[in-house]
Amino acid sequence: MSGTPAFPMPEARDIRLTDLLRALSDPGRVRMLAVLSDGEFHPCNVEEFGLDIQKSTLSHHFKTMREAGLTEVRVQGRNHDIRLRSAELEARFPGLVEALTSPAAVADLGRDS
């Protein structure tokens, strides 16, 4: 099977800082980033991220983050997992992921909820 992948994402060299910041303009997506900051794959479900949102909204957040270049999706049968593109983001924008997932940044989320 060839062609366009089911979950396209930009090449690392094409990731734009403005797109990343736009994707993270939503507090829910910043919370998701905090969960994903461990660099591991996580199941694509509401419970994993502790958000009180509909599945369709979560899917929209996944798409927004992936299209901005923040995340990648792995499909295994019917299961979808997501992870932060930590190494690629660090290479392109050194220190950005650490700054966005710092204790101060995560603590700031409580003020927007």
PDB file of N, CA and C in Angstrom:
ATOM      1  N   MET A   1       0.845  -1.172   0.000  1.00  0.00           N
ATOM      2  CA  MET A   1       0.000   0.000   0.000  1.00  0.00           C
ATOM      3  C   MET A   1       0.892   1.237   0.000  1.00  0.00           C
ATOM      4  N   SER A   2       0.667   2.152  -0.922  1.00  0.00           N
ATOM      5  CA  SER A   2       1.463   3.373  -0.973  1.00  0.00           C
ATOM      6  C   SER A   2       0.537   4.571  -1.070  1.00  0.00           C
ATOM      7  N   GLY A   3       1.144   5.750  -1.198  1.00  0.00           N
ATOM      8  CA  GLY A   3       0.345   6.959  -1.290  1.00  0.00           C
ATOM      9  C   GLY A   3       0.449   7.772  -0.023  1.00  0.00           C
ATOM     10  N   THR A   4      -0.532   8.623   0.178  1.00  0.00           N
ATOM     11  CA  THR A   4      -0.555   9.505   1.333  1.00  0.00           C
ATOM     12  C   THR A   4      -0.915   8.728   2.582  1.00  0.00           C
ATOM     13  N   PRO A   5      -0.143   8.927   3.667  1.00  0.00           N
ATOM     14  CA  PRO A   5      -0.496   8.232   4.914  1.00  0.00           C
ATOM     15  C   PRO A   5      -1.854   8.707   5.442  1.00  0.00           C
ATOM     16  N   ALA A   6      -2.504   7.847   6.210  1.00  0.00           N
ATOM     17  CA  ALA A   6      -3.823   8.168   6.753  1.00  0.00           C
ATOM     18  C   ALA A   6      -3.786   9.382   7.678  1.00  0.00           C
ATOM     19  N   PHE A   7      -2.646   9.599   8.335  1.00  0.00           N
ATOM     20  CA  PHE A   7      -2.516  10.704   9.277  1.00  0.00           C
ATOM     21  C   PHE A   7      -1.274  11.521   8.914  1.00  0.00           C
ATOM     22  N   PRO A   8      -1.372  12.330   7.853  1.00  0.00           N
ATOM     23  CA  PRO A   8      -0.200  13.093   7.398  1.00  0.00           C
ATOM     24  C   PRO A   8       0.244  14.135   8.417  1.00  0.00           C
ATOM     25  N   MET A   9       1.542  14.366   8.428  1.00  0.00           N
ATOM     26  CA  MET A   9       2.137  15.385   9.293  1.00  0.00           C
ATOM     27  C   MET A   9       3.264  16.032   8.497  1.00  0.00           C
ATOM     28  N   PRO A  10       3.612  17.257   8.834  1.00  0.00           N
ATOM     29  CA  PRO A  10       4.687  17.909   8.084  1.00  0.00           C
ATOM     30  C   PRO A  10       6.044  17.279   8.376  1.00  0.00           C
ATOM     31  N   GLU A  11       6.929  17.346   7.404  1.00  0.00           N
ATOM     32  CA  GLU A  11       8.317  16.961   7.627  1.00  0.00           C
ATOM     33  C   GLU A  11       8.889  17.905   8.682  1.00  0.00           C
ATOM     34  N   ALA A  12       9.858  17.447   9.452  1.00  0.00           N
ATOM     35  CA  ALA A  12      10.435  18.267  10.525  1.00  0.00           C
ATOM     36  C   ALA A  12      10.927  19.610   9.994  1.00  0.00           C
ATOM     37  N   ARG A  13      11.549  19.609   8.824  1.00  0.00           N
ATOM     38  CA  ARG A  13      12.093  20.860   8.267  1.00  0.00           C
ATOM     39  C   ARG A  13      10.994  21.866   7.899  1.00  0.00           C
ATOM     40  N   ASP A  14       9.753  21.377   7.737  1.00  0.00           N
ATOM     41  CA  ASP A  14       8.640  22.240   7.347  1.00  0.00           C
ATOM     42  C   ASP A  14       7.798  22.730   8.519  1.00  0.00           C
ATOM     43  N   ILE A  15       8.121  22.297   9.722  1.00  0.00           N
ATOM     44  CA  ILE A  15       7.355  22.729  10.901  1.00  0.00           C
ATOM     45  C   ILE A  15       7.652  24.205  11.159  1.00  0.00           C
ATOM     46  N   ARG A  16       6.575  24.978  11.343  1.00  0.00           N
ATOM     47  CA  ARG A  16       6.717  26.414  11.597  1.00  0.00           C
ATOM     48  C   ARG A  16       6.338  26.717  13.046  1.00  0.00           C
ATOM     49  N   LEU A  17       7.129  27.557  13.669  1.00  0.00           N
ATOM     50  CA  LEU A  17       6.878  27.930  15.056  1.00  0.00           C
ATOM     51  C   LEU A  17       5.487  28.532  15.222  1.00  0.00           C
ATOM     52  N   THR A  18       5.062  29.356  14.286  1.00  0.00           N
ATOM     53  CA  THR A  18       3.736  29.972  14.393  1.00  0.00           C
ATOM     54  C   THR A  18       2.633  28.910  14.389  1.00  0.00           C
ATOM     55  N   ASP A  19       2.813  27.845  13.611  1.00  0.00           N
ATOM     56  CA  ASP A  19       1.814  26.768  13.593  1.00  0.00           C
ATOM     57  C   ASP A  19       1.779  26.024  14.923  1.00  0.00           C
ATOM     58  N   LEU A  20       2.956  25.794  15.512  1.00  0.00           N
ATOM     59  CA  LEU A  20       3.018  25.126  16.812  1.00  0.00           C
ATOM     60  C   LEU A  20       2.314  25.953  17.877  1.00  0.00           C
ATOM     61  N   LEU A  21       2.624  27.234  17.908  1.00  0.00           N
ATOM     62  CA  LEU A  21       2.028  28.099  18.934  1.00  0.00           C
ATOM     63  C   LEU A  21       0.526  28.257  18.729  1.00  0.00           C
ATOM     64  N   ARG A  22       0.087  28.315  17.483  1.00  0.00           N
ATOM     65  CA  ARG A  22      -1.347  28.392  17.200  1.00  0.00           C
ATOM     66  C   ARG A  22      -2.041  27.117  17.705  1.00  0.00           C
ATOM     67  N   ALA A  23      -1.416  25.971  17.457  1.00  0.00           N
ATOM     68  CA  ALA A  23      -2.001  24.704  17.910  1.00  0.00           C
ATOM     69  C   ALA A  23      -2.095  24.647  19.425  1.00  0.00           C
ATOM     70  N   LEU A  24      -1.178  25.311  20.102  1.00  0.00           N
ATOM     71  CA  LEU A  24      -1.161  25.287  21.566  1.00  0.00           C
ATOM     72  C   LEU A  24      -1.899  26.468  22.192  1.00  0.00           C
ATOM     73  N   SER A  25      -2.688  27.159  21.388  1.00  0.00           N
ATOM     74  CA  SER A  25      -3.450  28.290  21.926  1.00  0.00           C
ATOM     75  C   SER A  25      -4.683  27.834  22.702  1.00  0.00           C
ATOM     76  N   ASP A  26      -4.955  26.548  22.699  1.00  0.00           N
ATOM     77  CA  ASP A  26      -6.088  25.985  23.436  1.00  0.00           C
ATOM     78  C   ASP A  26      -5.574  25.304  24.701  1.00  0.00           C
ATOM     79  N   PRO A  27      -6.125  25.635  25.871  1.00  0.00           N
ATOM     80  CA  PRO A  27      -5.657  25.021  27.123  1.00  0.00           C
ATOM     81  C   PRO A  27      -5.745  23.494  27.125  1.00  0.00           C
ATOM     82  N   GLY A  28      -6.751  22.934  26.461  1.00  0.00           N
ATOM     83  CA  GLY A  28      -6.869  21.478  26.394  1.00  0.00           C
ATOM     84  C   GLY A  28      -5.693  20.855  25.663  1.00  0.00           C
ATOM     85  N   ARG A  29      -5.262  21.490  24.593  1.00  0.00           N
ATOM     86  CA  ARG A  29      -4.125  20.952  23.848  1.00  0.00           C
ATOM     87  C   ARG A  29      -2.828  21.107  24.631  1.00  0.00           C
ATOM     88  N   VAL A  30      -2.730  22.143  25.441  1.00  0.00           N
ATOM     89  CA  VAL A  30      -1.541  22.290  26.290  1.00  0.00           C
ATOM     90  C   VAL A  30      -1.539  21.185  27.354  1.00  0.00           C
ATOM     91  N   ARG A  31      -2.701  20.858  27.882  1.00  0.00           N
ATOM     92  CA  ARG A  31      -2.800  19.737  28.835  1.00  0.00           C
ATOM     93  C   ARG A  31      -2.389  18.432  28.153  1.00  0.00           C
ATOM     94  N   MET A  32      -2.823  18.244  26.926  1.00  0.00           N
ATOM     95  CA  MET A  32      -2.443  17.047  26.181  1.00  0.00           C
ATOM     96  C   MET A  32      -0.932  17.014  25.980  1.00  0.00           C
ATOM     97  N   LEU A  33      -0.341  18.170  25.684  1.00  0.00           N
ATOM     98  CA  LEU A  33       1.106  18.252  25.511  1.00  0.00           C
ATOM     99  C   LEU A  33       1.830  17.828  26.787  1.00  0.00           C
ATOM    100  N   ALA A  34       1.303  18.233  27.940  1.00  0.00           N
ATOM    101  CA  ALA A  34       1.926  17.855  29.216  1.00  0.00           C
ATOM    102  C   ALA A  34       1.925  16.340  29.379  1.00  0.00           C
ATOM    103  N   VAL A  35       0.836  15.679  29.004  1.00  0.00           N
ATOM    104  CA  VAL A  35       0.772  14.209  29.088  1.00  0.00           C
ATOM    105  C   VAL A  35       1.762  13.589  28.105  1.00  0.00           C
ATOM    106  N   LEU A  36       1.825  14.146  26.908  1.00  0.00           N
ATOM    107  CA  LEU A  36       2.677  13.591  25.857  1.00  0.00           C
ATOM    108  C   LEU A  36       4.160  13.902  26.034  1.00  0.00           C
ATOM    109  N   SER A  37       4.478  14.765  26.969  1.00  0.00           N
ATOM    110  CA  SER A  37       5.869  15.214  27.125  1.00  0.00           C
ATOM    111  C   SER A  37       6.831  14.099  27.539  1.00  0.00           C
ATOM    112  N   ASP A  38       6.298  12.932  27.934  1.00  0.00           N
ATOM    113  CA  ASP A  38       7.184  11.811  28.284  1.00  0.00           C
ATOM    114  C   ASP A  38       7.776  11.137  27.046  1.00  0.00           C
ATOM    115  N   GLY A  39       7.305  11.529  25.857  1.00  0.00           N
ATOM    116  CA  GLY A  39       7.851  10.983  24.617  1.00  0.00           C
ATOM    117  C   GLY A  39       7.344   9.602  24.245  1.00  0.00           C
ATOM    118  N   GLU A  40       6.446   9.054  25.038  1.00  0.00           N
ATOM    119  CA  GLU A  40       5.897   7.715  24.783  1.00  0.00           C
ATOM    120  C   GLU A  40       4.601   7.816  23.981  1.00  0.00           C
ATOM    121  N   PHE A  41       4.222   6.723  23.343  1.00  0.00           N
ATOM    122  CA  PHE A  41       2.923   6.660  22.669  1.00  0.00           C
ATOM    123  C   PHE A  41       1.833   6.503  23.718  1.00  0.00           C
ATOM    124  N   HIS A  42       0.731   7.218  23.519  1.00  0.00           N
ATOM    125  CA  HIS A  42      -0.422   7.164  24.420  1.00  0.00           C
ATOM    126  C   HIS A  42      -1.664   6.821  23.604  1.00  0.00           C
ATOM    127  N   PRO A  43      -2.597   6.061  24.203  1.00  0.00           N
ATOM    128  CA  PRO A  43      -3.835   5.752  23.491  1.00  0.00           C
ATOM    129  C   PRO A  43      -4.637   7.026  23.225  1.00  0.00           C
ATOM    130  N   CYS A  44      -5.276   7.056  22.081  1.00  0.00           N
ATOM    131  CA  CYS A  44      -6.072   8.227  21.693  1.00  0.00           C
ATOM    132  C   CYS A  44      -7.472   8.122  22.297  1.00  0.00           C
ATOM    133  N   ASN A  45      -7.573   8.375  23.593  1.00  0.00           N
ATOM    134  CA  ASN A  45      -8.887   8.372  24.235  1.00  0.00           C
ATOM    135  C   ASN A  45      -8.956   9.477  25.285  1.00  0.00           C
ATOM    136  N   VAL A  46     -10.149   9.875  25.597  1.00  0.00           N
ATOM    137  CA  VAL A  46     -10.383  10.992  26.514  1.00  0.00           C
ATOM    138  C   VAL A  46      -9.804  10.715  27.894  1.00  0.00           C
ATOM    139  N   GLU A  47      -9.949   9.490  28.377  1.00  0.00           N
ATOM    140  CA  GLU A  47      -9.492   9.144  29.720  1.00  0.00           C
ATOM    141  C   GLU A  47      -7.981   9.351  29.876  1.00  0.00           C
ATOM    142  N   GLU A  48      -7.233   9.059  28.833  1.00  0.00           N
ATOM    143  CA  GLU A  48      -5.775   9.172  28.883  1.00  0.00           C
ATOM    144  C   GLU A  48      -5.327  10.600  29.184  1.00  0.00           C
ATOM    145  N   PHE A  49      -6.104  11.567  28.726  1.00  0.00           N
ATOM    146  CA  PHE A  49      -5.705  12.967  28.845  1.00  0.00           C
ATOM    147  C   PHE A  49      -6.465  13.723  29.932  1.00  0.00           C
ATOM    148  N   GLY A  50      -7.413  13.070  30.576  1.00  0.00           N
ATOM    149  CA  GLY A  50      -8.127  13.682  31.690  1.00  0.00           C
ATOM    150  C   GLY A  50      -8.911  14.926  31.313  1.00  0.00           C
ATOM    151  N   LEU A  51      -9.445  14.941  30.105  1.00  0.00           N
ATOM    152  CA  LEU A  51     -10.220  16.092  29.651  1.00  0.00           C
ATOM    153  C   LEU A  51     -11.702  15.751  29.648  1.00  0.00           C
ATOM    154  N   ASP A  52     -12.520  16.694  30.028  1.00  0.00           N
ATOM    155  CA  ASP A  52     -13.967  16.500  30.027  1.00  0.00           C
ATOM    156  C   ASP A  52     -14.518  17.060  28.722  1.00  0.00           C
ATOM    157  N   ILE A  53     -14.258  16.326  27.627  1.00  0.00           N
ATOM    158  CA  ILE A  53     -14.680  16.764  26.296  1.00  0.00           C
ATOM    159  C   ILE A  53     -15.229  15.572  25.526  1.00  0.00           C
ATOM    160  N   GLN A  54     -15.935  15.871  24.454  1.00  0.00           N
ATOM    161  CA  GLN A  54     -16.466  14.833  23.579  1.00  0.00           C
ATOM    162  C   GLN A  54     -15.343  14.198  22.760  1.00  0.00           C
ATOM    163  N   LYS A  55     -15.569  12.973  22.327  1.00  0.00           N
ATOM    164  CA  LYS A  55     -14.586  12.273  21.504  1.00  0.00           C
ATOM    165  C   LYS A  55     -14.295  13.054  20.220  1.00  0.00           C
ATOM    166  N   SER A  56     -15.307  13.663  19.636  1.00  0.00           N
ATOM    167  CA  SER A  56     -15.107  14.430  18.396  1.00  0.00           C
ATOM    168  C   SER A  56     -14.207  15.640  18.635  1.00  0.00           C
ATOM    169  N   THR A  57     -14.324  16.259  19.791  1.00  0.00           N
ATOM    170  CA  THR A  57     -13.455  17.394  20.128  1.00  0.00           C
ATOM    171  C   THR A  57     -12.029  16.923  20.327  1.00  0.00           C
ATOM    172  N   LEU A  58     -11.866  15.777  20.994  1.00  0.00           N
ATOM    173  CA  LEU A  58     -10.535  15.214  21.172  1.00  0.00           C
ATOM    174  C   LEU A  58      -9.907  14.907  19.814  1.00  0.00           C
ATOM    175  N   SER A  59     -10.680  14.346  18.896  1.00  0.00           N
ATOM    176  CA  SER A  59     -10.174  14.059  17.555  1.00  0.00           C
ATOM    177  C   SER A  59      -9.727  15.335  16.854  1.00  0.00           C
ATOM    178  N   HIS A  60     -10.481  16.392  17.032  1.00  0.00           N
ATOM    179  CA  HIS A  60     -10.096  17.691  16.452  1.00  0.00           C
ATOM    180  C   HIS A  60      -8.766  18.158  17.050  1.00  0.00           C
ATOM    181  N   HIS A  61      -8.595  18.021  18.348  1.00  0.00           N
ATOM    182  CA  HIS A  61      -7.331  18.408  18.997  1.00  0.00           C
ATOM    183  C   HIS A  61      -6.168  17.577  18.453  1.00  0.00           C
ATOM    184  N   PHE A  62      -6.382  16.271  18.302  1.00  0.00           N
ATOM    185  CA  PHE A  62      -5.333  15.414  17.750  1.00  0.00           C
ATOM    186  C   PHE A  62      -4.935  15.890  16.355  1.00  0.00           C
ATOM    187  N   LYS A  63      -5.920  16.165  15.535  1.00  0.00           N
ATOM    188  CA  LYS A  63      -5.658  16.609  14.158  1.00  0.00           C
ATOM    189  C   LYS A  63      -4.906  17.927  14.143  1.00  0.00           C
ATOM    190  N   THR A  64      -5.331  18.866  14.957  1.00  0.00           N
ATOM    191  CA  THR A  64      -4.682  20.180  15.010  1.00  0.00           C
ATOM    192  C   THR A  64      -3.219  20.040  15.410  1.00  0.00           C
ATOM    193  N   MET A  65      -2.952  19.239  16.421  1.00  0.00           N
ATOM    194  CA  MET A  65      -1.578  19.055  16.896  1.00  0.00           C
ATOM    195  C   MET A  65      -0.721  18.327  15.859  1.00  0.00           C
ATOM    196  N   ARG A  66      -1.292  17.326  15.214  1.00  0.00           N
ATOM    197  CA  ARG A  66      -0.552  16.565  14.209  1.00  0.00           C
ATOM    198  C   ARG A  66      -0.238  17.433  12.989  1.00  0.00           C
ATOM    199  N   GLU A  67      -1.213  18.164  12.504  1.00  0.00           N
ATOM    200  CA  GLU A  67      -1.007  18.994  11.324  1.00  0.00           C
ATOM    201  C   GLU A  67      -0.031  20.139  11.579  1.00  0.00           C
ATOM    202  N   ALA A  68       0.083  20.570  12.833  1.00  0.00           N
ATOM    203  CA  ALA A  68       1.060  21.602  13.189  1.00  0.00           C
ATOM    204  C   ALA A  68       2.467  21.020  13.282  1.00  0.00           C
ATOM    205  N   GLY A  69       2.560  19.704  13.419  1.00  0.00           N
ATOM    206  CA  GLY A  69       3.863  19.056  13.518  1.00  0.00           C
ATOM    207  C   GLY A  69       4.254  18.649  14.923  1.00  0.00           C
ATOM    208  N   LEU A  70       3.356  18.827  15.884  1.00  0.00           N
ATOM    209  CA  LEU A  70       3.661  18.485  17.275  1.00  0.00           C
ATOM    210  C   LEU A  70       3.681  16.987  17.535  1.00  0.00           C
ATOM    211  N   THR A  71       2.799  16.250  16.881  1.00  0.00           N
ATOM    212  CA  THR A  71       2.613  14.847  17.220  1.00  0.00           C
ATOM    213  C   THR A  71       2.645  13.956  15.985  1.00  0.00           C
ATOM    214  N   GLU A  72       2.766  12.661  16.259  1.00  0.00           N
ATOM    215  CA  GLU A  72       2.634  11.635  15.226  1.00  0.00           C
ATOM    216  C   GLU A  72       1.678  10.579  15.744  1.00  0.00           C
ATOM    217  N   VAL A  73       1.014   9.898  14.818  1.00  0.00           N
ATOM    218  CA  VAL A  73       0.036   8.869  15.171  1.00  0.00           C
ATOM    219  C   VAL A  73       0.538   7.522  14.671  1.00  0.00           C
ATOM    220  N   ARG A  74       0.374   6.522  15.520  1.00  0.00           N
ATOM    221  CA  ARG A  74       0.704   5.141  15.167  1.00  0.00           C
ATOM    222  C   ARG A  74      -0.611   4.362  15.163  1.00  0.00           C
ATOM    223  N   VAL A  75      -0.845   3.634  14.086  1.00  0.00           N
ATOM    224  CA  VAL A  75      -2.053   2.827  13.957  1.00  0.00           C
ATOM    225  C   VAL A  75      -1.657   1.364  14.021  1.00  0.00           C
ATOM    226  N   GLN A  76      -2.297   0.634  14.941  1.00  0.00           N
ATOM    227  CA  GLN A  76      -2.095  -0.806  15.073  1.00  0.00           C
ATOM    228  C   GLN A  76      -3.473  -1.446  15.134  1.00  0.00           C
ATOM    229  N   GLY A  77      -3.901  -1.953  13.981  1.00  0.00           N
ATOM    230  CA  GLY A  77      -5.251  -2.501  13.896  1.00  0.00           C
ATOM    231  C   GLY A  77      -6.268  -1.399  14.099  1.00  0.00           C
ATOM    232  N   ARG A  78      -7.137  -1.584  15.085  1.00  0.00           N
ATOM    233  CA  ARG A  78      -8.167  -0.577  15.393  1.00  0.00           C
ATOM    234  C   ARG A  78      -7.691   0.453  16.410  1.00  0.00           C
ATOM    235  N   ASN A  79      -6.489   0.260  16.937  1.00  0.00           N
ATOM    236  CA  ASN A  79      -5.966   1.154  17.966  1.00  0.00           C
ATOM    237  C   ASN A  79      -5.105   2.258  17.357  1.00  0.00           C
ATOM    238  N   HIS A  80      -5.281   3.443  17.884  1.00  0.00           N
ATOM    239  CA  HIS A  80      -4.489   4.590  17.480  1.00  0.00           C
ATOM    240  C   HIS A  80      -3.770   5.126  18.711  1.00  0.00           C
ATOM    241  N   ASP A  81      -2.495   5.375  18.564  1.00  0.00           N
ATOM    242  CA  ASP A  81      -1.698   5.937  19.648  1.00  0.00           C
ATOM    243  C   ASP A  81      -1.035   7.214  19.137  1.00  0.00           C
ATOM    244  N   ILE A  82      -0.764   8.114  20.045  1.00  0.00           N
ATOM    245  CA  ILE A  82      -0.184   9.402  19.683  1.00  0.00           C
ATOM    246  C   ILE A  82       1.023   9.680  20.568  1.00  0.00           C
ATOM    247  N   ARG A  83       2.010  10.347  19.980  1.00  0.00           N
ATOM    248  CA  ARG A  83       3.155  10.759  20.785  1.00  0.00           C
ATOM    249  C   ARG A  83       3.687  12.080  20.261  1.00  0.00           C
ATOM    250  N   LEU A  84       4.350  12.778  21.152  1.00  0.00           N
ATOM    251  CA  LEU A  84       4.997  14.039  20.836  1.00  0.00           C
ATOM    252  C   LEU A  84       6.243  13.762  20.004  1.00  0.00           C
ATOM    253  N   ARG A  85       6.490  14.565  19.008  1.00  0.00           N
ATOM    254  CA  ARG A  85       7.681  14.421  18.169  1.00  0.00           C
ATOM    255  C   ARG A  85       8.858  15.139  18.845  1.00  0.00           C
ATOM    256  N   SER A  86       9.168  14.719  20.043  1.00  0.00           N
ATOM    257  CA  SER A  86      10.142  15.406  20.902  1.00  0.00           C
ATOM    258  C   SER A  86      11.492  15.630  20.232  1.00  0.00           C
ATOM    259  N   ALA A  87      12.094  14.579  19.713  1.00  0.00           N
ATOM    260  CA  ALA A  87      13.439  14.693  19.138  1.00  0.00           C
ATOM    261  C   ALA A  87      13.444  15.631  17.935  1.00  0.00           C
ATOM    262  N   GLU A  88      12.448  15.520  17.077  1.00  0.00           N
ATOM    263  CA  GLU A  88      12.380  16.384  15.898  1.00  0.00           C
ATOM    264  C   GLU A  88      12.140  17.839  16.292  1.00  0.00           C
ATOM    265  N   LEU A  89      11.276  18.047  17.269  1.00  0.00           N
ATOM    266  CA  LEU A  89      11.001  19.413  17.717  1.00  0.00           C
ATOM    267  C   LEU A  89      12.216  20.022  18.405  1.00  0.00           C
ATOM    268  N   GLU A  90      12.917  19.219  19.188  1.00  0.00           N
ATOM    269  CA  GLU A  90      14.119  19.706  19.867  1.00  0.00           C
ATOM    270  C   GLU A  90      15.189  20.090  18.844  1.00  0.00           C
ATOM    271  N   ALA A  91      15.335  19.286  17.805  1.00  0.00           N
ATOM    272  CA  ALA A  91      16.325  19.593  16.773  1.00  0.00           C
ATOM    273  C   ALA A  91      15.969  20.875  16.020  1.00  0.00           C
ATOM    274  N   ARG A  92      14.683  21.070  15.784  1.00  0.00           N
ATOM    275  CA  ARG A  92      14.234  22.246  15.008  1.00  0.00           C
ATOM    276  C   ARG A  92      14.169  23.504  15.876  1.00  0.00           C
ATOM    277  N   PHE A  93      13.675  23.365  17.088  1.00  0.00           N
ATOM    278  CA  PHE A  93      13.497  24.498  18.008  1.00  0.00           C
ATOM    279  C   PHE A  93      14.054  24.124  19.382  1.00  0.00           C
ATOM    280  N   PRO A  94      15.372  24.192  19.561  1.00  0.00           N
ATOM    281  CA  PRO A  94      15.989  23.764  20.823  1.00  0.00           C
ATOM    282  C   PRO A  94      15.374  24.471  22.040  1.00  0.00           C
ATOM    283  N   GLY A  95      14.992  23.667  23.030  1.00  0.00           N
ATOM    284  CA  GLY A  95      14.460  24.195  24.286  1.00  0.00           C
ATOM    285  C   GLY A  95      12.971  24.465  24.297  1.00  0.00           C
ATOM    286  N   LEU A  96      12.313  24.421  23.140  1.00  0.00           N
ATOM    287  CA  LEU A  96      10.888  24.770  23.089  1.00  0.00           C
ATOM    288  C   LEU A  96      10.026  23.783  23.871  1.00  0.00           C
ATOM    289  N   VAL A  97      10.211  22.496  23.643  1.00  0.00           N
ATOM    290  CA  VAL A  97       9.376  21.501  24.325  1.00  0.00           C
ATOM    291  C   VAL A  97       9.580  21.591  25.838  1.00  0.00           C
ATOM    292  N   GLU A  98      10.816  21.744  26.263  1.00  0.00           N
ATOM    293  CA  GLU A  98      11.093  21.869  27.698  1.00  0.00           C
ATOM    294  C   GLU A  98      10.402  23.095  28.284  1.00  0.00           C
ATOM    295  N   ALA A  99      10.438  24.196  27.563  1.00  0.00           N
ATOM    296  CA  ALA A  99       9.789  25.419  28.046  1.00  0.00           C
ATOM    297  C   ALA A  99       8.274  25.245  28.128  1.00  0.00           C
ATOM    298  N   LEU A 100       7.688  24.599  27.122  1.00  0.00           N
ATOM    299  CA  LEU A 100       6.234  24.430  27.079  1.00  0.00           C
ATOM    300  C   LEU A 100       5.720  23.414  28.090  1.00  0.00           C
ATOM    301  N   THR A 101       6.586  22.521  28.541  1.00  0.00           N
ATOM    302  CA  THR A 101       6.161  21.491  29.493  1.00  0.00           C
ATOM    303  C   THR A 101       6.788  21.690  30.873  1.00  0.00           C
ATOM    304  N   SER A 102       7.373  22.848  31.099  1.00  0.00           N
ATOM    305  CA  SER A 102       7.995  23.142  32.389  1.00  0.00           C
ATOM    306  C   SER A 102       6.927  23.199  33.482  1.00  0.00           C
ATOM    307  N   PRO A 103       7.325  23.022  34.736  1.00  0.00           N
ATOM    308  CA  PRO A 103       6.351  23.128  35.828  1.00  0.00           C
ATOM    309  C   PRO A 103       5.606  24.465  35.836  1.00  0.00           C
ATOM    310  N   ALA A 104       6.283  25.539  35.486  1.00  0.00           N
ATOM    311  CA  ALA A 104       5.617  26.850  35.458  1.00  0.00           C
ATOM    312  C   ALA A 104       4.550  26.908  34.370  1.00  0.00           C
ATOM    313  N   ALA A 105       4.863  26.352  33.201  1.00  0.00           N
ATOM    314  CA  ALA A 105       3.883  26.358  32.099  1.00  0.00           C
ATOM    315  C   ALA A 105       2.678  25.495  32.444  1.00  0.00           C
ATOM    316  N   VAL A 106       2.932  24.329  33.022  1.00  0.00           N
ATOM    317  CA  VAL A 106       1.837  23.434  33.387  1.00  0.00           C
ATOM    318  C   VAL A 106       1.000  24.033  34.516  1.00  0.00           C
ATOM    319  N   ALA A 107       1.639  24.663  35.488  1.00  0.00           N
ATOM    320  CA  ALA A 107       0.920  25.300  36.589  1.00  0.00           C
ATOM    321  C   ALA A 107       0.036  26.436  36.089  1.00  0.00           C
ATOM    322  N   ASP A 108       0.475  27.109  35.044  1.00  0.00           N
ATOM    323  CA  ASP A 108      -0.290  28.215  34.477  1.00  0.00           C
ATOM    324  C   ASP A 108      -1.621  27.750  33.906  1.00  0.00           C
ATOM    325  N   LEU A 109      -1.733  26.469  33.586  1.00  0.00           N
ATOM    326  CA  LEU A 109      -2.981  25.941  33.034  1.00  0.00           C
ATOM    327  C   LEU A 109      -4.142  26.091  34.007  1.00  0.00           C
ATOM    328  N   GLY A 110      -3.891  25.971  35.278  1.00  0.00           N
ATOM    329  CA  GLY A 110      -4.935  26.074  36.274  1.00  0.00           C
ATOM    330  C   GLY A 110      -5.645  27.414  36.251  1.00  0.00           C
ATOM    331  N   ARG A 111      -4.983  28.437  35.771  1.00  0.00           N
ATOM    332  CA  ARG A 111      -5.588  29.767  35.714  1.00  0.00           C
ATOM    333  C   ARG A 111      -6.564  29.905  34.566  1.00  0.00           C
ATOM    334  N   ASP A 112      -6.448  29.040  33.525  1.00  0.00           N
ATOM    335  CA  ASP A 112      -7.323  29.137  32.360  1.00  0.00           C
ATOM    336  C   ASP A 112      -8.526  28.200  32.442  1.00  0.00           C
ATOM    337  N   SER A 113      -8.530  27.293  33.389  1.00  0.00           N
ATOM    338  CA  SER A 113      -9.602  26.286  33.446  1.00  0.00           C
ATOM    339  C   SER A 113     -10.836  26.845  34.086  1.00  0.00           C
TER     340      SER A 113
END
